[in-house]
Amino acid sequence: MITAIVLIKTSVDRIPEIAESIAALDSVSEVFSVTGTYDLIAMVRVPRHDDLADVIPGRISKIPGVEATDTHVAFRTYSQHDLEAAFAIGLDS
């Protein structure tokens, strides 16, 4: 699974509506409203790199009010949940 973090600039008067439209797309697992240079951050998960083109420029960028995107593809994912599961392997509960 390929994970992309998409930083999104939007029309500021429509952030909630744009976030809901993005969150409703297949392959988008979460959308965060954030402070700073960007208005939203979307987590996109797809099976193949080619699918990123369908989701990000093909759908996210075409939502009315989306002004710009900046995409970062994850090489590897680390999380507290993953670490706890790895250390629990072989332990009797």
PDB file of N, CA and C in Angstrom:
ATOM      1  N   MET A   1       0.850  -1.181   0.000  1.00  0.00           N
ATOM      2  CA  MET A   1       0.000   0.000   0.000  1.00  0.00           C
ATOM      3  C   MET A   1       0.891   1.237   0.000  1.00  0.00           C
ATOM      4  N   ILE A   2       0.609   2.165  -0.878  1.00  0.00           N
ATOM      5  CA  ILE A   2       1.335   3.427  -0.988  1.00  0.00           C
ATOM      6  C   ILE A   2       0.581   4.480  -0.188  1.00  0.00           C
ATOM      7  N   THR A   3       1.291   5.201   0.684  1.00  0.00           N
ATOM      8  CA  THR A   3       0.676   6.268   1.461  1.00  0.00           C
ATOM      9  C   THR A   3       1.246   7.599   1.010  1.00  0.00           C
ATOM     10  N   ALA A   4       0.361   8.547   0.742  1.00  0.00           N
ATOM     11  CA  ALA A   4       0.772   9.898   0.383  1.00  0.00           C
ATOM     12  C   ALA A   4       0.142  10.882   1.359  1.00  0.00           C
ATOM     13  N   ILE A   5       0.937  11.852   1.757  1.00  0.00           N
ATOM     14  CA  ILE A   5       0.459  12.948   2.606  1.00  0.00           C
ATOM     15  C   ILE A   5       0.297  14.136   1.665  1.00  0.00           C
ATOM     16  N   VAL A   6      -0.928  14.647   1.568  1.00  0.00           N
ATOM     17  CA  VAL A   6      -1.223  15.714   0.608  1.00  0.00           C
ATOM     18  C   VAL A   6      -1.539  16.992   1.384  1.00  0.00           C
ATOM     19  N   LEU A   7      -0.689  18.001   1.211  1.00  0.00           N
ATOM     20  CA  LEU A   7      -0.903  19.310   1.825  1.00  0.00           C
ATOM     21  C   LEU A   7      -1.730  20.128   0.838  1.00  0.00           C
ATOM     22  N   ILE A   8      -2.808  20.732   1.330  1.00  0.00           N
ATOM     23  CA  ILE A   8      -3.782  21.351   0.430  1.00  0.00           C
ATOM     24  C   ILE A   8      -4.066  22.796   0.841  1.00  0.00           C
ATOM     25  N   LYS A   9      -3.956  23.713  -0.129  1.00  0.00           N
ATOM     26  CA  LYS A   9      -4.394  25.101   0.065  1.00  0.00           C
ATOM     27  C   LYS A   9      -5.785  25.217  -0.538  1.00  0.00           C
ATOM     28  N   THR A  10      -6.670  25.900   0.190  1.00  0.00           N
ATOM     29  CA  THR A  10      -8.060  26.014  -0.257  1.00  0.00           C
ATOM     30  C   THR A  10      -8.559  27.447  -0.131  1.00  0.00           C
ATOM     31  N   SER A  11      -9.752  27.667  -0.638  1.00  0.00           N
ATOM     32  CA  SER A  11     -10.465  28.909  -0.361  1.00  0.00           C
ATOM     33  C   SER A  11     -10.821  28.861   1.123  1.00  0.00           C
ATOM     34  N   VAL A  12     -10.355  29.834   1.887  1.00  0.00           N
ATOM     35  CA  VAL A  12     -10.518  29.763   3.346  1.00  0.00           C
ATOM     36  C   VAL A  12     -11.972  29.839   3.804  1.00  0.00           C
ATOM     37  N   ASP A  13     -12.829  30.390   3.004  1.00  0.00           N
ATOM     38  CA  ASP A  13     -14.230  30.495   3.409  1.00  0.00           C
ATOM     39  C   ASP A  13     -15.006  29.188   3.188  1.00  0.00           C
ATOM     40  N   ARG A  14     -14.340  28.159   2.606  1.00  0.00           N
ATOM     41  CA  ARG A  14     -15.033  26.904   2.319  1.00  0.00           C
ATOM     42  C   ARG A  14     -14.285  25.687   2.869  1.00  0.00           C
ATOM     43  N   ILE A  15     -13.397  25.887   3.826  1.00  0.00           N
ATOM     44  CA  ILE A  15     -12.576  24.782   4.329  1.00  0.00           C
ATOM     45  C   ILE A  15     -13.413  23.578   4.773  1.00  0.00           C
ATOM     46  N   PRO A  16     -14.444  23.740   5.592  1.00  0.00           N
ATOM     47  CA  PRO A  16     -15.202  22.553   6.033  1.00  0.00           C
ATOM     48  C   PRO A  16     -15.848  21.779   4.881  1.00  0.00           C
ATOM     49  N   GLU A  17     -16.432  22.498   3.924  1.00  0.00           N
ATOM     50  CA  GLU A  17     -17.085  21.831   2.792  1.00  0.00           C
ATOM     51  C   GLU A  17     -16.070  21.111   1.904  1.00  0.00           C
ATOM     52  N   ILE A  18     -14.931  21.741   1.689  1.00  0.00           N
ATOM     53  CA  ILE A  18     -13.887  21.127   0.870  1.00  0.00           C
ATOM     54  C   ILE A  18     -13.327  19.895   1.582  1.00  0.00           C
ATOM     55  N   ALA A  19     -13.102  20.005   2.876  1.00  0.00           N
ATOM     56  CA  ALA A  19     -12.591  18.865   3.658  1.00  0.00           C
ATOM     57  C   ALA A  19     -13.557  17.684   3.580  1.00  0.00           C
ATOM     58  N   GLU A  20     -14.840  17.940   3.688  1.00  0.00           N
ATOM     59  CA  GLU A  20     -15.836  16.870   3.599  1.00  0.00           C
ATOM     60  C   GLU A  20     -15.844  16.233   2.214  1.00  0.00           C
ATOM     61  N   SER A  21     -15.700  17.036   1.175  1.00  0.00           N
ATOM     62  CA  SER A  21     -15.663  16.498  -0.189  1.00  0.00           C
ATOM     63  C   SER A  21     -14.439  15.614  -0.398  1.00  0.00           C
ATOM     64  N   ILE A  22     -13.302  16.041   0.123  1.00  0.00           N
ATOM     65  CA  ILE A  22     -12.078  15.250  -0.005  1.00  0.00           C
ATOM     66  C   ILE A  22     -12.196  13.962   0.797  1.00  0.00           C
ATOM     67  N   ALA A  23     -12.709  14.053   2.019  1.00  0.00           N
ATOM     68  CA  ALA A  23     -12.844  12.874   2.881  1.00  0.00           C
ATOM     69  C   ALA A  23     -13.779  11.831   2.287  1.00  0.00           C
ATOM     70  N   ALA A  24     -14.707  12.258   1.450  1.00  0.00           N
ATOM     71  CA  ALA A  24     -15.666  11.328   0.837  1.00  0.00           C
ATOM     72  C   ALA A  24     -15.067  10.530  -0.331  1.00  0.00           C
ATOM     73  N   LEU A  25     -13.883  10.912  -0.786  1.00  0.00           N
ATOM     74  CA  LEU A  25     -13.260  10.214  -1.911  1.00  0.00           C
ATOM     75  C   LEU A  25     -12.702   8.861  -1.487  1.00  0.00           C
ATOM     76  N   ASP A  26     -12.846   7.873  -2.380  1.00  0.00           N
ATOM     77  CA  ASP A  26     -12.186   6.593  -2.154  1.00  0.00           C
ATOM     78  C   ASP A  26     -10.689   6.845  -2.087  1.00  0.00           C
ATOM     79  N   SER A  27      -9.986   6.088  -1.291  1.00  0.00           N
ATOM     80  CA  SER A  27      -8.537   6.174  -1.105  1.00  0.00           C
ATOM     81  C   SER A  27      -8.103   7.272  -0.154  1.00  0.00           C
ATOM     82  N   VAL A  28      -8.998   8.142   0.278  1.00  0.00           N
ATOM     83  CA  VAL A  28      -8.657   9.155   1.277  1.00  0.00           C
ATOM     84  C   VAL A  28      -9.105   8.621   2.633  1.00  0.00           C
ATOM     85  N   SER A  29      -8.129   8.399   3.528  1.00  0.00           N
ATOM     86  CA  SER A  29      -8.478   7.817   4.821  1.00  0.00           C
ATOM     87  C   SER A  29      -8.778   8.860   5.890  1.00  0.00           C
ATOM     88  N   GLU A  30      -8.099  10.003   5.849  1.00  0.00           N
ATOM     89  CA  GLU A  30      -8.340  11.083   6.809  1.00  0.00           C
ATOM     90  C   GLU A  30      -8.085  12.412   6.138  1.00  0.00           C
ATOM     91  N   VAL A  31      -8.759  13.435   6.662  1.00  0.00           N
ATOM     92  CA  VAL A  31      -8.486  14.818   6.267  1.00  0.00           C
ATOM     93  C   VAL A  31      -8.424  15.628   7.554  1.00  0.00           C
ATOM     94  N   PHE A  32      -7.349  16.409   7.696  1.00  0.00           N
ATOM     95  CA  PHE A  32      -7.144  17.226   8.886  1.00  0.00           C
ATOM     96  C   PHE A  32      -7.193  18.698   8.506  1.00  0.00           C
ATOM     97  N   SER A  33      -7.915  19.491   9.265  1.00  0.00           N
ATOM     98  CA  SER A  33      -7.884  20.941   9.130  1.00  0.00           C
ATOM     99  C   SER A  33      -6.752  21.414  10.039  1.00  0.00           C
ATOM    100  N   VAL A  34      -5.813  22.191   9.484  1.00  0.00           N
ATOM    101  CA  VAL A  34      -4.599  22.539  10.223  1.00  0.00           C
ATOM    102  C   VAL A  34      -4.297  24.036  10.137  1.00  0.00           C
ATOM    103  N   THR A  35      -3.389  24.472  11.010  1.00  0.00           N
ATOM    104  CA  THR A  35      -2.900  25.847  10.948  1.00  0.00           C
ATOM    105  C   THR A  35      -1.625  25.871  10.118  1.00  0.00           C
ATOM    106  N   GLY A  36      -1.228  27.055   9.684  1.00  0.00           N
ATOM    107  CA  GLY A  36       0.023  27.183   8.952  1.00  0.00           C
ATOM    108  C   GLY A  36      -0.194  27.526   7.500  1.00  0.00           C
ATOM    109  N   THR A  37       0.776  27.194   6.690  1.00  0.00           N
ATOM    110  CA  THR A  37       0.764  27.530   5.265  1.00  0.00           C
ATOM    111  C   THR A  37      -0.367  26.845   4.513  1.00  0.00           C
ATOM    112  N   TYR A  38      -0.695  25.627   4.926  1.00  0.00           N
ATOM    113  CA  TYR A  38      -1.741  24.845   4.256  1.00  0.00           C
ATOM    114  C   TYR A  38      -2.992  24.829   5.120  1.00  0.00           C
ATOM    115  N   ASP A  39      -4.126  24.589   4.485  1.00  0.00           N
ATOM    116  CA  ASP A  39      -5.406  24.575   5.194  1.00  0.00           C
ATOM    117  C   ASP A  39      -5.835  23.169   5.592  1.00  0.00           C
ATOM    118  N   LEU A  40      -5.490  22.185   4.752  1.00  0.00           N
ATOM    119  CA  LEU A  40      -5.895  20.801   4.993  1.00  0.00           C
ATOM    120  C   LEU A  40      -4.719  19.868   4.720  1.00  0.00           C
ATOM    121  N   ILE A  41      -4.734  18.736   5.399  1.00  0.00           N
ATOM    122  CA  ILE A  41      -3.812  17.642   5.101  1.00  0.00           C
ATOM    123  C   ILE A  41      -4.655  16.396   4.908  1.00  0.00           C
ATOM    124  N   ALA A  42      -4.452  15.725   3.770  1.00  0.00           N
ATOM    125  CA  ALA A  42      -5.194  14.493   3.482  1.00  0.00           C
ATOM    126  C   ALA A  42      -4.220  13.318   3.444  1.00  0.00           C
ATOM    127  N   MET A  43      -4.647  12.204   4.004  1.00  0.00           N
ATOM    128  CA  MET A  43      -3.896  10.960   3.929  1.00  0.00           C
ATOM    129  C   MET A  43      -4.531  10.126   2.833  1.00  0.00           C
ATOM    130  N   VAL A  44      -3.741   9.796   1.816  1.00  0.00           N
ATOM    131  CA  VAL A  44      -4.220   9.023   0.675  1.00  0.00           C
ATOM    132  C   VAL A  44      -3.494   7.690   0.673  1.00  0.00           C
ATOM    133  N   ARG A  45      -4.247   6.601   0.566  1.00  0.00           N
ATOM    134  CA  ARG A  45      -3.662   5.261   0.534  1.00  0.00           C
ATOM    135  C   ARG A  45      -4.179   4.530  -0.708  1.00  0.00           C
ATOM    136  N   VAL A  46      -3.224   4.113  -1.547  1.00  0.00           N
ATOM    137  CA  VAL A  46      -3.563   3.442  -2.804  1.00  0.00           C
ATOM    138  C   VAL A  46      -2.663   2.225  -2.993  1.00  0.00           C
ATOM    139  N   PRO A  47      -3.106   1.246  -3.788  1.00  0.00           N
ATOM    140  CA  PRO A  47      -2.278   0.054  -3.988  1.00  0.00           C
ATOM    141  C   PRO A  47      -1.080   0.268  -4.915  1.00  0.00           C
ATOM    142  N   ARG A  48      -1.170   1.223  -5.861  1.00  0.00           N
ATOM    143  CA  ARG A  48      -0.089   1.419  -6.831  1.00  0.00           C
ATOM    144  C   ARG A  48       0.229   2.911  -6.983  1.00  0.00           C
ATOM    145  N   HIS A  49       1.477   3.218  -7.300  1.00  0.00           N
ATOM    146  CA  HIS A  49       1.875   4.615  -7.511  1.00  0.00           C
ATOM    147  C   HIS A  49       1.018   5.292  -8.576  1.00  0.00           C
ATOM    148  N   ASP A  50       0.708   4.577  -9.633  1.00  0.00           N
ATOM    149  CA  ASP A  50      -0.103   5.165 -10.710  1.00  0.00           C
ATOM    150  C   ASP A  50      -1.455   5.648 -10.207  1.00  0.00           C
ATOM    151  N   ASP A  51      -1.973   5.012  -9.162  1.00  0.00           N
ATOM    152  CA  ASP A  51      -3.274   5.397  -8.615  1.00  0.00           C
ATOM    153  C   ASP A  51      -3.240   6.779  -7.970  1.00  0.00           C
ATOM    154  N   LEU A  52      -2.050   7.226  -7.547  1.00  0.00           N
ATOM    155  CA  LEU A  52      -1.942   8.564  -6.954  1.00  0.00           C
ATOM    156  C   LEU A  52      -2.378   9.629  -7.954  1.00  0.00           C
ATOM    157  N   ALA A  53      -2.045   9.440  -9.210  1.00  0.00           N
ATOM    158  CA  ALA A  53      -2.441  10.410 -10.237  1.00  0.00           C
ATOM    159  C   ALA A  53      -3.953  10.480 -10.392  1.00  0.00           C
ATOM    160  N   ASP A  54      -4.612   9.354 -10.243  1.00  0.00           N
ATOM    161  CA  ASP A  54      -6.074   9.350 -10.328  1.00  0.00           C
ATOM    162  C   ASP A  54      -6.701  10.098  -9.158  1.00  0.00           C
ATOM    163  N   VAL A  55      -6.133   9.931  -7.980  1.00  0.00           N
ATOM    164  CA  VAL A  55      -6.737  10.507  -6.774  1.00  0.00           C
ATOM    165  C   VAL A  55      -6.366  11.978  -6.580  1.00  0.00           C
ATOM    166  N   ILE A  56      -5.081  12.316  -6.685  1.00  0.00           N
ATOM    167  CA  ILE A  56      -4.649  13.667  -6.305  1.00  0.00           C
ATOM    168  C   ILE A  56      -4.923  14.682  -7.423  1.00  0.00           C
ATOM    169  N   PRO A  57      -4.227  14.644  -8.545  1.00  0.00           N
ATOM    170  CA  PRO A  57      -4.597  15.628  -9.575  1.00  0.00           C
ATOM    171  C   PRO A  57      -5.922  15.309 -10.258  1.00  0.00           C
ATOM    172  N   GLY A  58      -6.288  14.024 -10.280  1.00  0.00           N
ATOM    173  CA  GLY A  58      -7.502  13.612 -10.967  1.00  0.00           C
ATOM    174  C   GLY A  58      -8.788  13.921 -10.227  1.00  0.00           C
ATOM    175  N   ARG A  59      -8.745  13.898  -8.884  1.00  0.00           N
ATOM    176  CA  ARG A  59      -9.980  14.138  -8.119  1.00  0.00           C
ATOM    177  C   ARG A  59      -9.835  15.256  -7.087  1.00  0.00           C
ATOM    178  N   ILE A  60      -8.821  15.173  -6.208  1.00  0.00           N
ATOM    179  CA  ILE A  60      -8.685  16.188  -5.154  1.00  0.00           C
ATOM    180  C   ILE A  60      -8.525  17.582  -5.771  1.00  0.00           C
ATOM    181  N   SER A  61      -7.607  17.722  -6.712  1.00  0.00           N
ATOM    182  CA  SER A  61      -7.332  19.045  -7.307  1.00  0.00           C
ATOM    183  C   SER A  61      -8.507  19.616  -8.087  1.00  0.00           C
ATOM    184  N   LYS A  62      -9.446  18.765  -8.470  1.00  0.00           N
ATOM    185  CA  LYS A  62     -10.601  19.226  -9.245  1.00  0.00           C
ATOM    186  C   LYS A  62     -11.789  19.630  -8.379  1.00  0.00           C
ATOM    187  N   ILE A  63     -11.681  19.456  -7.070  1.00  0.00           N
ATOM    188  CA  ILE A  63     -12.765  19.883  -6.179  1.00  0.00           C
ATOM    189  C   ILE A  63     -12.782  21.414  -6.146  1.00  0.00           C
ATOM    190  N   PRO A  64     -13.935  22.025  -6.375  1.00  0.00           N
ATOM    191  CA  PRO A  64     -14.013  23.486  -6.343  1.00  0.00           C
ATOM    192  C   PRO A  64     -13.522  24.040  -5.003  1.00  0.00           C
ATOM    193  N   GLY A  65     -12.624  25.004  -5.083  1.00  0.00           N
ATOM    194  CA  GLY A  65     -12.066  25.614  -3.879  1.00  0.00           C
ATOM    195  C   GLY A  65     -10.669  25.119  -3.543  1.00  0.00           C
ATOM    196  N   VAL A  66     -10.238  23.991  -4.121  1.00  0.00           N
ATOM    197  CA  VAL A  66      -8.863  23.526  -3.928  1.00  0.00           C
ATOM    198  C   VAL A  66      -7.978  24.377  -4.829  1.00  0.00           C
ATOM    199  N   GLU A  67      -7.025  25.074  -4.218  1.00  0.00           N
ATOM    200  CA  GLU A  67      -6.174  26.001  -4.970  1.00  0.00           C
ATOM    201  C   GLU A  67      -4.816  25.404  -5.325  1.00  0.00           C
ATOM    202  N   ALA A  68      -4.270  24.551  -4.448  1.00  0.00           N
ATOM    203  CA  ALA A  68      -2.957  23.958  -4.704  1.00  0.00           C
ATOM    204  C   ALA A  68      -2.767  22.746  -3.808  1.00  0.00           C
ATOM    205  N   THR A  69      -1.935  21.810  -4.282  1.00  0.00           N
ATOM    206  CA  THR A  69      -1.579  20.646  -3.470  1.00  0.00           C
ATOM    207  C   THR A  69      -0.073  20.457  -3.503  1.00  0.00           C
ATOM    208  N   ASP A  70       0.446  19.853  -2.446  1.00  0.00           N
ATOM    209  CA  ASP A  70       1.861  19.500  -2.345  1.00  0.00           C
ATOM    210  C   ASP A  70       1.879  18.087  -1.768  1.00  0.00           C
ATOM    211  N   THR A  71       2.350  17.123  -2.557  1.00  0.00           N
ATOM    212  CA  THR A  71       2.247  15.708  -2.187  1.00  0.00           C
ATOM    213  C   THR A  71       3.583  15.145  -1.733  1.00  0.00           C
ATOM    214  N   HIS A  72       3.545  14.393  -0.640  1.00  0.00           N
ATOM    215  CA  HIS A  72       4.718  13.711  -0.099  1.00  0.00           C
ATOM    216  C   HIS A  72       4.385  12.226   0.009  1.00  0.00           C
ATOM    217  N   VAL A  73       5.194  11.376  -0.630  1.00  0.00           N
ATOM    218  CA  VAL A  73       4.964   9.934  -0.593  1.00  0.00           C
ATOM    219  C   VAL A  73       5.798   9.347   0.532  1.00  0.00           C
ATOM    220  N   ALA A  74       5.172   8.529   1.358  1.00  0.00           N
ATOM    221  CA  ALA A  74       5.855   7.918   2.498  1.00  0.00           C
ATOM    222  C   ALA A  74       6.678   6.712   2.049  1.00  0.00           C
ATOM    223  N   PHE A  75       7.908   6.617   2.554  1.00  0.00           N
ATOM    224  CA  PHE A  75       8.742   5.441   2.287  1.00  0.00           C
ATOM    225  C   PHE A  75       8.366   4.297   3.223  1.00  0.00           C
ATOM    226  N   ARG A  76       8.138   4.637   4.482  1.00  0.00           N
ATOM    227  CA  ARG A  76       7.855   3.642   5.509  1.00  0.00           C
ATOM    228  C   ARG A  76       6.987   4.296   6.568  1.00  0.00           C
ATOM    229  N   THR A  77       6.165   3.508   7.238  1.00  0.00           N
ATOM    230  CA  THR A  77       5.284   4.029   8.272  1.00  0.00           C
ATOM    231  C   THR A  77       5.706   3.495   9.628  1.00  0.00           C
ATOM    232  N   TYR A  78       5.795   4.377  10.599  1.00  0.00           N
ATOM    233  CA  TYR A  78       6.095   4.010  11.981  1.00  0.00           C
ATOM    234  C   TYR A  78       4.953   4.533  12.834  1.00  0.00           C
ATOM    235  N   SER A  79       4.484   3.715  13.758  1.00  0.00           N
ATOM    236  CA  SER A  79       3.443   4.189  14.662  1.00  0.00           C
ATOM    237  C   SER A  79       3.577   3.488  16.004  1.00  0.00           C
ATOM    238  N   GLN A  80       3.039   4.103  17.031  1.00  0.00           N
ATOM    239  CA  GLN A  80       3.080   3.511  18.366  1.00  0.00           C
ATOM    240  C   GLN A  80       2.371   2.163  18.366  1.00  0.00           C
ATOM    241  N   HIS A  81       1.258   2.069  17.645  1.00  0.00           N
ATOM    242  CA  HIS A  81       0.502   0.825  17.569  1.00  0.00           C
ATOM    243  C   HIS A  81       1.361  -0.291  16.967  1.00  0.00           C
ATOM    244  N   ASP A  82       2.092   0.002  15.906  1.00  0.00           N
ATOM    245  CA  ASP A  82       2.961  -0.984  15.266  1.00  0.00           C
ATOM    246  C   ASP A  82       4.072  -1.430  16.200  1.00  0.00           C
ATOM    247  N   LEU A  83       4.659  -0.487  16.934  1.00  0.00           N
ATOM    248  CA  LEU A  83       5.739  -0.820  17.855  1.00  0.00           C
ATOM    249  C   LEU A  83       5.244  -1.719  18.985  1.00  0.00           C
ATOM    250  N   GLU A  84       4.078  -1.407  19.543  1.00  0.00           N
ATOM    251  CA  GLU A  84       3.521  -2.223  20.617  1.00  0.00           C
ATOM    252  C   GLU A  84       3.240  -3.639  20.129  1.00  0.00           C
ATOM    253  N   ALA A  85       2.705  -3.781  18.934  1.00  0.00           N
ATOM    254  CA  ALA A  85       2.409  -5.095  18.373  1.00  0.00           C
ATOM    255  C   ALA A  85       3.686  -5.894  18.149  1.00  0.00           C
ATOM    256  N   ALA A  86       4.745  -5.229  17.667  1.00  0.00           N
ATOM    257  CA  ALA A  86       6.002  -5.919  17.404  1.00  0.00           C
ATOM    258  C   ALA A  86       6.636  -6.421  18.695  1.00  0.00           C
ATOM    259  N   PHE A  87       6.607  -5.626  19.747  1.00  0.00           N
ATOM    260  CA  PHE A  87       7.207  -6.038  21.009  1.00  0.00           C
ATOM    261  C   PHE A  87       6.364  -7.087  21.737  1.00  0.00           C
ATOM    262  N   ALA A  88       5.088  -7.197  21.392  1.00  0.00           N
ATOM    263  CA  ALA A  88       4.216  -8.151  22.049  1.00  0.00           C
ATOM    264  C   ALA A  88       4.279  -9.541  21.421  1.00  0.00           C
ATOM    265  N   ILE A  89       4.935  -9.679  20.285  1.00  0.00           N
ATOM    266  CA  ILE A  89       5.013 -10.979  19.610  1.00  0.00           C
ATOM    267  C   ILE A  89       5.757 -11.966  20.522  1.00  0.00           C
ATOM    268  N   GLY A  90       5.129 -13.094  20.758  1.00  0.00           N
ATOM    269  CA  GLY A  90       5.744 -14.157  21.565  1.00  0.00           C
ATOM    270  C   GLY A  90       5.559 -14.017  23.053  1.00  0.00           C
ATOM    271  N   LEU A  91       4.933 -12.950  23.490  1.00  0.00           N
ATOM    272  CA  LEU A  91       4.706 -12.783  24.925  1.00  0.00           C
ATOM    273  C   LEU A  91       3.375 -13.425  25.305  1.00  0.00           C
ATOM    274  N   ASP A  92       3.392 -14.119  26.444  1.00  0.00           N
ATOM    275  CA  ASP A  92       2.148 -14.688  26.962  1.00  0.00           C
ATOM    276  C   ASP A  92       1.384 -13.632  27.733  1.00  0.00           C
ATOM    277  N   SER A  93       0.084 -13.552  27.507  1.00  0.00           N
ATOM    278  CA  SER A  93      -0.722 -12.560  28.223  1.00  0.00           C
ATOM    279  C   SER A  93      -1.376 -13.177  29.415  1.00  0.00           C
TER     280      SER A  93
END
